[in-house]
Amino acid sequence: MIEAITKIHTTSSSVTFECGNIAVIGNGEFRASSGKVDGFILYADTLRYENGAKLSRDEQGNLKCLYQHFVWNREDFIDWDI
């Protein structure tokens, strides 16, 4: 099981969570209001490991919890659909 997120990379359509020796990739899209980008919607059904294996519901929930710990002292940017 993933223990911590160490770094997050984003593009206009994907997010990569670096978790030590493991990377998790998910697809999504930017969210905007009043003409400004204010977040990123991550689609849980696209979450997968680098090798292509999909994350289980428990792993998705764990990743979301780890993300919340990661952004504790940073700005939250992802809107999870889990």
PDB file of N, CA and C in Angstrom:
ATOM      1  N   MET A   1       0.837  -1.180   0.000  1.00  0.00           N
ATOM      2  CA  MET A   1       0.000   0.000   0.000  1.00  0.00           C
ATOM      3  C   MET A   1       0.887   1.250   0.000  1.00  0.00           C
ATOM      4  N   ILE A   2       0.415   2.289  -0.652  1.00  0.00           N
ATOM      5  CA  ILE A   2       1.135   3.556  -0.732  1.00  0.00           C
ATOM      6  C   ILE A   2       1.146   4.205   0.649  1.00  0.00           C
ATOM      7  N   GLU A   3       2.318   4.721   1.041  1.00  0.00           N
ATOM      8  CA  GLU A   3       2.444   5.294   2.377  1.00  0.00           C
ATOM      9  C   GLU A   3       2.467   6.817   2.404  1.00  0.00           C
ATOM     10  N   ALA A   4       2.922   7.459   1.326  1.00  0.00           N
ATOM     11  CA  ALA A   4       2.988   8.924   1.300  1.00  0.00           C
ATOM     12  C   ALA A   4       3.173   9.409  -0.128  1.00  0.00           C
ATOM     13  N   ILE A   5       2.648  10.585  -0.406  1.00  0.00           N
ATOM     14  CA  ILE A   5       2.880  11.256  -1.677  1.00  0.00           C
ATOM     15  C   ILE A   5       4.065  12.188  -1.465  1.00  0.00           C
ATOM     16  N   THR A   6       5.062  12.086  -2.344  1.00  0.00           N
ATOM     17  CA  THR A   6       6.246  12.926  -2.207  1.00  0.00           C
ATOM     18  C   THR A   6       6.256  14.093  -3.185  1.00  0.00           C
ATOM     19  N   LYS A   7       5.570  13.932  -4.322  1.00  0.00           N
ATOM     20  CA  LYS A   7       5.547  14.996  -5.333  1.00  0.00           C
ATOM     21  C   LYS A   7       4.343  14.776  -6.240  1.00  0.00           C
ATOM     22  N   ILE A   8       3.812  15.867  -6.778  1.00  0.00           N
ATOM     23  CA  ILE A   8       2.692  15.793  -7.717  1.00  0.00           C
ATOM     24  C   ILE A   8       3.048  16.583  -8.967  1.00  0.00           C
ATOM     25  N   HIS A   9       2.839  15.950 -10.134  1.00  0.00           N
ATOM     26  CA  HIS A   9       3.040  16.602 -11.433  1.00  0.00           C
ATOM     27  C   HIS A   9       1.704  16.646 -12.144  1.00  0.00           C
ATOM     28  N   THR A  10       1.396  17.753 -12.795  1.00  0.00           N
ATOM     29  CA  THR A  10       0.149  17.848 -13.549  1.00  0.00           C
ATOM     30  C   THR A  10       0.397  18.326 -14.971  1.00  0.00           C
ATOM     31  N   THR A  11      -0.488  17.915 -15.858  1.00  0.00           N
ATOM     32  CA  THR A  11      -0.567  18.471 -17.206  1.00  0.00           C
ATOM     33  C   THR A  11      -2.001  18.956 -17.358  1.00  0.00           C
ATOM     34  N   SER A  12      -2.378  19.364 -18.537  1.00  0.00           N
ATOM     35  CA  SER A  12      -3.741  19.846 -18.741  1.00  0.00           C
ATOM     36  C   SER A  12      -4.778  18.737 -18.636  1.00  0.00           C
ATOM     37  N   SER A  13      -4.339  17.477 -18.697  1.00  0.00           N
ATOM     38  CA  SER A  13      -5.316  16.389 -18.666  1.00  0.00           C
ATOM     39  C   SER A  13      -4.952  15.229 -17.736  1.00  0.00           C
ATOM     40  N   SER A  14      -3.839  15.336 -17.005  1.00  0.00           N
ATOM     41  CA  SER A  14      -3.467  14.230 -16.123  1.00  0.00           C
ATOM     42  C   SER A  14      -2.718  14.717 -14.884  1.00  0.00           C
ATOM     43  N   VAL A  15      -2.687  13.833 -13.888  1.00  0.00           N
ATOM     44  CA  VAL A  15      -1.953  14.079 -12.647  1.00  0.00           C
ATOM     45  C   VAL A  15      -1.116  12.842 -12.373  1.00  0.00           C
ATOM     46  N   THR A  16       0.139  13.048 -11.993  1.00  0.00           N
ATOM     47  CA  THR A  16       0.998  11.952 -11.565  1.00  0.00           C
ATOM     48  C   THR A  16       1.389  12.194 -10.123  1.00  0.00           C
ATOM     49  N   PHE A  17       1.096  11.210  -9.275  1.00  0.00           N
ATOM     50  CA  PHE A  17       1.468  11.262  -7.869  1.00  0.00           C
ATOM     51  C   PHE A  17       2.710  10.405  -7.698  1.00  0.00           C
ATOM     52  N   GLU A  18       3.824  11.012  -7.318  1.00  0.00           N
ATOM     53  CA  GLU A  18       5.025  10.250  -6.997  1.00  0.00           C
ATOM     54  C   GLU A  18       4.927   9.850  -5.535  1.00  0.00           C
ATOM     55  N   CYS A  19       5.070   8.563  -5.294  1.00  0.00           N
ATOM     56  CA  CYS A  19       4.917   8.011  -3.948  1.00  0.00           C
ATOM     57  C   CYS A  19       6.118   7.123  -3.660  1.00  0.00           C
ATOM     58  N   GLY A  20       7.287   7.733  -3.485  1.00  0.00           N
ATOM     59  CA  GLY A  20       8.514   6.956  -3.321  1.00  0.00           C
ATOM     60  C   GLY A  20       8.863   6.291  -4.628  1.00  0.00           C
ATOM     61  N   ASN A  21       8.918   4.945  -4.631  1.00  0.00           N
ATOM     62  CA  ASN A  21       9.262   4.186  -5.838  1.00  0.00           C
ATOM     63  C   ASN A  21       8.061   3.907  -6.725  1.00  0.00           C
ATOM     64  N   ILE A  22       6.898   4.343  -6.310  1.00  0.00           N
ATOM     65  CA  ILE A  22       5.650   4.074  -7.023  1.00  0.00           C
ATOM     66  C   ILE A  22       5.098   5.383  -7.582  1.00  0.00           C
ATOM     67  N   ALA A  23       4.513   5.307  -8.771  1.00  0.00           N
ATOM     68  CA  ALA A  23       3.814   6.465  -9.331  1.00  0.00           C
ATOM     69  C   ALA A  23       2.389   6.048  -9.676  1.00  0.00           C
ATOM     70  N   VAL A  24       1.453   6.943  -9.393  1.00  0.00           N
ATOM     71  CA  VAL A  24       0.047   6.727  -9.724  1.00  0.00           C
ATOM     72  C   VAL A  24      -0.367   7.847 -10.672  1.00  0.00           C
ATOM     73  N   ILE A  25      -1.060   7.471 -11.736  1.00  0.00           N
ATOM     74  CA  ILE A  25      -1.460   8.421 -12.770  1.00  0.00           C
ATOM     75  C   ILE A  25      -2.981   8.429 -12.870  1.00  0.00           C
ATOM     76  N   GLY A  26      -3.545   9.611 -13.045  1.00  0.00           N
ATOM     77  CA  GLY A  26      -4.986   9.742 -13.229  1.00  0.00           C
ATOM     78  C   GLY A  26      -5.291  10.836 -14.224  1.00  0.00           C
ATOM     79  N   ASN A  27      -6.427  10.732 -14.874  1.00  0.00           N
ATOM     80  CA  ASN A  27      -6.851  11.724 -15.865  1.00  0.00           C
ATOM     81  C   ASN A  27      -7.942  12.612 -15.289  1.00  0.00           C
ATOM     82  N   GLY A  28      -8.047  13.778 -15.870  1.00  0.00           N
ATOM     83  CA  GLY A  28      -9.070  14.714 -15.435  1.00  0.00           C
ATOM     84  C   GLY A  28      -9.066  15.944 -16.303  1.00  0.00           C
ATOM     85  N   GLU A  29      -9.606  17.017 -15.747  1.00  0.00           N
ATOM     86  CA  GLU A  29      -9.665  18.277 -16.488  1.00  0.00           C
ATOM     87  C   GLU A  29      -9.668  19.441 -15.506  1.00  0.00           C
ATOM     88  N   PHE A  30      -9.240  20.587 -15.991  1.00  0.00           N
ATOM     89  CA  PHE A  30      -9.234  21.774 -15.145  1.00  0.00           C
ATOM     90  C   PHE A  30     -10.653  22.252 -14.910  1.00  0.00           C
ATOM     91  N   ARG A  31     -10.880  22.782 -13.734  1.00  0.00           N
ATOM     92  CA  ARG A  31     -12.162  23.370 -13.353  1.00  0.00           C
ATOM     93  C   ARG A  31     -11.952  24.877 -13.333  1.00  0.00           C
ATOM     94  N   ALA A  32     -12.938  25.615 -13.822  1.00  0.00           N
ATOM     95  CA  ALA A  32     -12.805  27.071 -13.844  1.00  0.00           C
ATOM     96  C   ALA A  32     -14.124  27.725 -13.441  1.00  0.00           C
ATOM     97  N   SER A  33     -13.995  28.880 -12.824  1.00  0.00           N
ATOM     98  CA  SER A  33     -15.170  29.700 -12.529  1.00  0.00           C
ATOM     99  C   SER A  33     -14.784  31.148 -12.764  1.00  0.00           C
ATOM    100  N   SER A  34     -15.712  31.909 -13.263  1.00  0.00           N
ATOM    101  CA  SER A  34     -15.482  33.323 -13.571  1.00  0.00           C
ATOM    102  C   SER A  34     -14.269  33.529 -14.465  1.00  0.00           C
ATOM    103  N   GLY A  35     -14.045  32.588 -15.387  1.00  0.00           N
ATOM    104  CA  GLY A  35     -12.952  32.734 -16.338  1.00  0.00           C
ATOM    105  C   GLY A  35     -11.580  32.418 -15.803  1.00  0.00           C
ATOM    106  N   LYS A  36     -11.469  31.917 -14.550  1.00  0.00           N
ATOM    107  CA  LYS A  36     -10.167  31.593 -13.969  1.00  0.00           C
ATOM    108  C   LYS A  36     -10.132  30.121 -13.568  1.00  0.00           C
ATOM    109  N   VAL A  37      -8.982  29.484 -13.785  1.00  0.00           N
ATOM    110  CA  VAL A  37      -8.795  28.111 -13.340  1.00  0.00           C
ATOM    111  C   VAL A  37      -8.737  28.120 -11.814  1.00  0.00           C
ATOM    112  N   ASP A  38      -9.562  27.257 -11.205  1.00  0.00           N
ATOM    113  CA  ASP A  38      -9.556  27.215  -9.739  1.00  0.00           C
ATOM    114  C   ASP A  38      -9.451  25.793  -9.190  1.00  0.00           C
ATOM    115  N   GLY A  39      -9.100  24.840 -10.052  1.00  0.00           N
ATOM    116  CA  GLY A  39      -8.943  23.477  -9.568  1.00  0.00           C
ATOM    117  C   GLY A  39      -8.794  22.489 -10.704  1.00  0.00           C
ATOM    118  N   PHE A  40      -8.751  21.234 -10.335  1.00  0.00           N
ATOM    119  CA  PHE A  40      -8.594  20.144 -11.288  1.00  0.00           C
ATOM    120  C   PHE A  40      -9.503  19.023 -10.832  1.00  0.00           C
ATOM    121  N   ILE A  41     -10.358  18.521 -11.721  1.00  0.00           N
ATOM    122  CA  ILE A  41     -11.239  17.403 -11.405  1.00  0.00           C
ATOM    123  C   ILE A  41     -10.522  16.118 -11.804  1.00  0.00           C
ATOM    124  N   LEU A  42     -10.306  15.235 -10.839  1.00  0.00           N
ATOM    125  CA  LEU A  42      -9.619  13.963 -11.072  1.00  0.00           C
ATOM    126  C   LEU A  42     -10.653  12.852 -11.135  1.00  0.00           C
ATOM    127  N   TYR A  43     -10.656  12.084 -12.215  1.00  0.00           N
ATOM    128  CA  TYR A  43     -11.612  11.000 -12.387  1.00  0.00           C
ATOM    129  C   TYR A  43     -11.053   9.714 -11.781  1.00  0.00           C
ATOM    130  N   ALA A  44     -11.702   9.254 -10.714  1.00  0.00           N
ATOM    131  CA  ALA A  44     -11.210   8.110  -9.953  1.00  0.00           C
ATOM    132  C   ALA A  44     -11.085   6.853 -10.809  1.00  0.00           C
ATOM    133  N   ASP A  45     -11.979   6.661 -11.755  1.00  0.00           N
ATOM    134  CA  ASP A  45     -11.938   5.439 -12.557  1.00  0.00           C
ATOM    135  C   ASP A  45     -10.739   5.389 -13.503  1.00  0.00           C
ATOM    136  N   THR A  46      -9.967   6.471 -13.588  1.00  0.00           N
ATOM    137  CA  THR A  46      -8.768   6.486 -14.435  1.00  0.00           C
ATOM    138  C   THR A  46      -7.492   6.264 -13.629  1.00  0.00           C
ATOM    139  N   LEU A  47      -7.577   6.216 -12.304  1.00  0.00           N
ATOM    140  CA  LEU A  47      -6.379   6.070 -11.471  1.00  0.00           C
ATOM    141  C   LEU A  47      -5.731   4.711 -11.702  1.00  0.00           C
ATOM    142  N   ARG A  48      -4.426   4.744 -12.000  1.00  0.00           N
ATOM    143  CA  ARG A  48      -3.695   3.514 -12.293  1.00  0.00           C
ATOM    144  C   ARG A  48      -2.240   3.674 -11.903  1.00  0.00           C
ATOM    145  N   TYR A  49      -1.592   2.546 -11.658  1.00  0.00           N
ATOM    146  CA  TYR A  49      -0.154   2.542 -11.423  1.00  0.00           C
ATOM    147  C   TYR A  49       0.557   2.674 -12.765  1.00  0.00           C
ATOM    148  N   GLU A  50       1.847   2.963 -12.728  1.00  0.00           N
ATOM    149  CA  GLU A  50       2.623   3.104 -13.972  1.00  0.00           C
ATOM    150  C   GLU A  50       2.527   1.874 -14.862  1.00  0.00           C
ATOM    151  N   ASN A  51       2.393   0.694 -14.239  1.00  0.00           N
ATOM    152  CA  ASN A  51       2.319  -0.541 -15.020  1.00  0.00           C
ATOM    153  C   ASN A  51       0.936  -0.769 -15.624  1.00  0.00           C
ATOM    154  N   GLY A  52      -0.007   0.145 -15.380  1.00  0.00           N
ATOM    155  CA  GLY A  52      -1.337   0.052 -15.961  1.00  0.00           C
ATOM    156  C   GLY A  52      -2.387  -0.555 -15.051  1.00  0.00           C
ATOM    157  N   ALA A  53      -1.989  -1.161 -13.936  1.00  0.00           N
ATOM    158  CA  ALA A  53      -2.947  -1.768 -13.008  1.00  0.00           C
ATOM    159  C   ALA A  53      -3.801  -0.682 -12.361  1.00  0.00           C
ATOM    160  N   LYS A  54      -5.117  -0.885 -12.373  1.00  0.00           N
ATOM    161  CA  LYS A  54      -6.037   0.099 -11.777  1.00  0.00           C
ATOM    162  C   LYS A  54      -6.002   0.010 -10.260  1.00  0.00           C
ATOM    163  N   LEU A  55      -6.254   1.145  -9.609  1.00  0.00           N
ATOM    164  CA  LEU A  55      -6.339   1.181  -8.156  1.00  0.00           C
ATOM    165  C   LEU A  55      -7.701   0.662  -7.709  1.00  0.00           C
ATOM    166  N   SER A  56      -7.717  -0.095  -6.618  1.00  0.00           N
ATOM    167  CA  SER A  56      -8.982  -0.552  -6.035  1.00  0.00           C
ATOM    168  C   SER A  56      -9.662   0.640  -5.348  1.00  0.00           C
ATOM    169  N   ARG A  57     -10.907   0.475  -4.935  1.00  0.00           N
ATOM    170  CA  ARG A  57     -11.615   1.546  -4.212  1.00  0.00           C
ATOM    171  C   ARG A  57     -10.874   1.888  -2.931  1.00  0.00           C
ATOM    172  N   ASP A  58     -10.359   0.886  -2.217  1.00  0.00           N
ATOM    173  CA  ASP A  58      -9.607   1.148  -0.985  1.00  0.00           C
ATOM    174  C   ASP A  58      -8.337   1.935  -1.283  1.00  0.00           C
ATOM    175  N   GLU A  59      -7.642   1.572  -2.357  1.00  0.00           N
ATOM    176  CA  GLU A  59      -6.428   2.292  -2.738  1.00  0.00           C
ATOM    177  C   GLU A  59      -6.751   3.726  -3.161  1.00  0.00           C
ATOM    178  N   GLN A  60      -7.879   3.922  -3.847  1.00  0.00           N
ATOM    179  CA  GLN A  60      -8.303   5.270  -4.231  1.00  0.00           C
ATOM    180  C   GLN A  60      -8.562   6.116  -2.987  1.00  0.00           C
ATOM    181  N   GLY A  61      -9.270   5.537  -2.021  1.00  0.00           N
ATOM    182  CA  GLY A  61      -9.548   6.251  -0.768  1.00  0.00           C
ATOM    183  C   GLY A  61      -8.283   6.578  -0.011  1.00  0.00           C
ATOM    184  N   ASN A  62      -7.342   5.627   0.011  1.00  0.00           N
ATOM    185  CA  ASN A  62      -6.060   5.855   0.679  1.00  0.00           C
ATOM    186  C   ASN A  62      -5.290   6.977  -0.010  1.00  0.00           C
ATOM    187  N   LEU A  63      -5.281   6.982  -1.354  1.00  0.00           N
ATOM    188  CA  LEU A  63      -4.578   8.034  -2.098  1.00  0.00           C
ATOM    189  C   LEU A  63      -5.192   9.397  -1.803  1.00  0.00           C
ATOM    190  N   LYS A  64      -6.512   9.459  -1.744  1.00  0.00           N
ATOM    191  CA  LYS A  64      -7.176  10.723  -1.437  1.00  0.00           C
ATOM    192  C   LYS A  64      -6.784  11.213  -0.045  1.00  0.00           C
ATOM    193  N   CYS A  65      -6.741  10.321   0.920  1.00  0.00           N
ATOM    194  CA  CYS A  65      -6.323  10.677   2.284  1.00  0.00           C
ATOM    195  C   CYS A  65      -4.874  11.167   2.293  1.00  0.00           C
ATOM    196  N   LEU A  66      -4.001  10.468   1.579  1.00  0.00           N
ATOM    197  CA  LEU A  66      -2.598  10.883   1.495  1.00  0.00           C
ATOM    198  C   LEU A  66      -2.470  12.244   0.825  1.00  0.00           C
ATOM    199  N   TYR A  67      -3.318  12.494  -0.180  1.00  0.00           N
ATOM    200  CA  TYR A  67      -3.320  13.795  -0.845  1.00  0.00           C
ATOM    201  C   TYR A  67      -3.696  14.890   0.144  1.00  0.00           C
ATOM    202  N   GLN A  68      -4.695  14.631   0.977  1.00  0.00           N
ATOM    203  CA  GLN A  68      -5.117  15.623   1.968  1.00  0.00           C
ATOM    204  C   GLN A  68      -3.987  15.928   2.947  1.00  0.00           C
ATOM    205  N   HIS A  69      -3.204  14.914   3.318  1.00  0.00           N
ATOM    206  CA  HIS A  69      -2.032  15.144   4.170  1.00  0.00           C
ATOM    207  C   HIS A  69      -0.968  15.941   3.414  1.00  0.00           C
ATOM    208  N   PHE A  70      -0.796  15.631   2.116  1.00  0.00           N
ATOM    209  CA  PHE A  70       0.205  16.320   1.297  1.00  0.00           C
ATOM    210  C   PHE A  70      -0.090  17.808   1.201  1.00  0.00           C
ATOM    211  N   VAL A  71      -1.366  18.169   1.053  1.00  0.00           N
ATOM    212  CA  VAL A  71      -1.725  19.580   0.869  1.00  0.00           C
ATOM    213  C   VAL A  71      -1.999  20.297   2.194  1.00  0.00           C
ATOM    214  N   TRP A  72      -1.768  19.636   3.300  1.00  0.00           N
ATOM    215  CA  TRP A  72      -2.044  20.230   4.611  1.00  0.00           C
ATOM    216  C   TRP A  72      -1.501  21.652   4.708  1.00  0.00           C
ATOM    217  N   ASN A  73      -0.270  21.879   4.266  1.00  0.00           N
ATOM    218  CA  ASN A  73       0.342  23.205   4.303  1.00  0.00           C
ATOM    219  C   ASN A  73       0.550  23.778   2.907  1.00  0.00           C
ATOM    220  N   ARG A  74      -0.215  23.257   1.948  1.00  0.00           N
ATOM    221  CA  ARG A  74      -0.156  23.740   0.573  1.00  0.00           C
ATOM    222  C   ARG A  74      -1.583  24.053   0.133  1.00  0.00           C
ATOM    223  N   GLU A  75      -1.728  24.651  -1.020  1.00  0.00           N
ATOM    224  CA  GLU A  75      -3.064  24.959  -1.551  1.00  0.00           C
ATOM    225  C   GLU A  75      -3.679  23.721  -2.189  1.00  0.00           C
ATOM    226  N   ASP A  76      -4.909  23.401  -1.787  1.00  0.00           N
ATOM    227  CA  ASP A  76      -5.624  22.266  -2.372  1.00  0.00           C
ATOM    228  C   ASP A  76      -6.077  22.629  -3.775  1.00  0.00           C
ATOM    229  N   PHE A  77      -5.867  21.729  -4.715  1.00  0.00           N
ATOM    230  CA  PHE A  77      -6.147  22.048  -6.108  1.00  0.00           C
ATOM    231  C   PHE A  77      -7.036  21.016  -6.783  1.00  0.00           C
ATOM    232  N   ILE A  78      -7.091  19.802  -6.273  1.00  0.00           N
ATOM    233  CA  ILE A  78      -7.828  18.733  -6.939  1.00  0.00           C
ATOM    234  C   ILE A  78      -9.188  18.541  -6.298  1.00  0.00           C
ATOM    235  N   ASP A  79     -10.208  18.389  -7.137  1.00  0.00           N
ATOM    236  CA  ASP A  79     -11.553  18.051  -6.689  1.00  0.00           C
ATOM    237  C   ASP A  79     -11.759  16.574  -7.035  1.00  0.00           C
ATOM    238  N   TRP A  80     -11.834  15.735  -6.030  1.00  0.00           N
ATOM    239  CA  TRP A  80     -11.932  14.290  -6.227  1.00  0.00           C
ATOM    240  C   TRP A  80     -13.368  13.888  -6.502  1.00  0.00           C
ATOM    241  N   ASP A  81     -13.575  12.963  -7.412  1.00  0.00           N
ATOM    242  CA  ASP A  81     -14.924  12.469  -7.660  1.00  0.00           C
ATOM    243  C   ASP A  81     -15.159  11.121  -6.979  1.00  0.00           C
ATOM    244  N   ILE A  82     -14.360  10.821  -5.991  1.00  0.00           N
ATOM    245  CA  ILE A  82     -14.484   9.552  -5.239  1.00  0.00           C
ATOM    246  C   ILE A  82     -15.603   9.698  -4.223  1.00  0.00           C
TER     247      ILE A  82
END
